[in-house]
Amino acid sequence: MSQLNEATEENLEFIINELASMLQVVNRSIMDPEDYDISKYDELKSLYDMLKQKGSLSVAETQAFIQELSSIRK
């Protein structure tokens, strides 16, 4: 895996898939990498880093993350 600091389509897809797993998203259709613009990469990377650092989330935090992801979608 190349450095996640690079805004590439591969990294975008990796981050979206990792977020979906960490957030235990059942409806993966909302986590389709095709629905996210590479121009939003830094925002997605920030969410990913925050989630990696935090570890586990409460139900409310998980919902807030999913809400934030939906606002970033195309």
Protein backbone atom coordinates (compact mmCIF):
# COMPACT_ATOMS: atom_id res chain seq x y z
CA MET A 1 0.00 0.00 0.00
CA SER A 2 1.42 3.37 -0.93
CA GLN A 3 1.47 6.23 1.54
CA LEU A 4 -2.04 7.25 2.55
CA ASN A 5 -0.89 10.86 2.47
CA GLU A 6 -1.15 10.74 -1.32
CA ALA A 7 -4.61 11.53 -2.69
CA THR A 8 -4.96 8.65 -5.14
CA GLU A 9 -8.04 6.70 -6.19
CA GLU A 10 -6.54 3.56 -4.63
CA ASN A 11 -5.97 5.30 -1.29
CA LEU A 12 -9.46 6.79 -1.42
CA GLU A 13 -10.94 3.34 -1.95
CA PHE A 14 -8.82 1.88 0.86
CA ILE A 15 -9.88 4.59 3.31
CA ILE A 16 -13.58 4.29 2.44
CA ASN A 17 -13.46 0.51 2.85
CA GLU A 18 -11.59 0.79 6.14
CA LEU A 19 -14.07 3.37 7.44
CA ALA A 20 -16.96 1.09 6.47
CA SER A 21 -15.36 -1.77 8.41
CA MET A 22 -14.46 0.32 11.47
CA LEU A 23 -17.94 1.86 11.57
CA GLN A 24 -19.50 -1.57 10.97
CA VAL A 25 -21.64 -0.16 8.19
CA VAL A 26 -24.20 -2.75 7.15
CA ASN A 27 -25.48 -0.88 4.10
CA ARG A 28 -22.24 -0.76 2.11
CA SER A 29 -23.94 1.09 -0.74
CA ILE A 30 -23.47 4.33 1.21
CA MET A 31 -19.76 3.53 1.38
CA ASP A 32 -19.10 3.11 -2.34
CA PRO A 33 -15.74 4.75 -3.14
CA GLU A 34 -17.25 5.87 -6.48
CA ASP A 35 -19.53 8.22 -4.51
CA TYR A 36 -16.63 10.17 -3.02
CA ASP A 37 -14.65 12.80 -4.87
CA ILE A 38 -10.86 12.75 -4.70
CA SER A 39 -11.02 16.49 -3.90
CA LYS A 40 -12.50 15.48 -0.51
CA TYR A 41 -9.58 13.15 0.20
CA ASP A 42 -8.12 15.26 3.02
CA GLU A 43 -11.45 15.33 4.86
CA LEU A 44 -11.84 11.56 4.50
CA LYS A 45 -8.24 10.99 5.59
CA SER A 46 -8.86 13.14 8.70
CA LEU A 47 -11.93 11.08 9.60
CA TYR A 48 -9.95 7.89 9.02
CA ASP A 49 -7.06 9.09 11.22
CA MET A 50 -9.45 10.19 13.96
CA LEU A 51 -11.23 6.85 13.92
CA LYS A 52 -7.96 4.89 13.96
CA GLN A 53 -6.78 6.92 16.95
CA LYS A 54 -10.05 6.67 18.86
CA GLY A 55 -10.52 2.95 18.43
CA SER A 56 -14.11 2.32 19.45
CA LEU A 57 -17.03 4.69 19.16
CA SER A 58 -20.32 5.05 20.97
CA VAL A 59 -23.50 4.64 18.96
CA ALA A 60 -23.94 8.43 18.85
CA GLU A 61 -20.34 8.94 17.66
CA THR A 62 -20.77 6.28 14.99
CA GLN A 63 -23.91 8.00 13.74
CA ALA A 64 -22.10 11.35 13.72
CA PHE A 65 -19.29 9.83 11.64
CA ILE A 66 -21.76 8.34 9.17
CA GLN A 67 -23.57 11.68 8.97
CA GLU A 68 -20.27 13.41 8.25
CA LEU A 69 -19.43 10.86 5.55
CA SER A 70 -22.81 11.36 3.91
CA SER A 71 -22.19 15.12 3.79
CA ILE A 72 -18.90 14.50 1.97
CA ARG A 73 -20.46 12.24 -0.68
CA LYS A 74 -20.93 13.57 -4.20
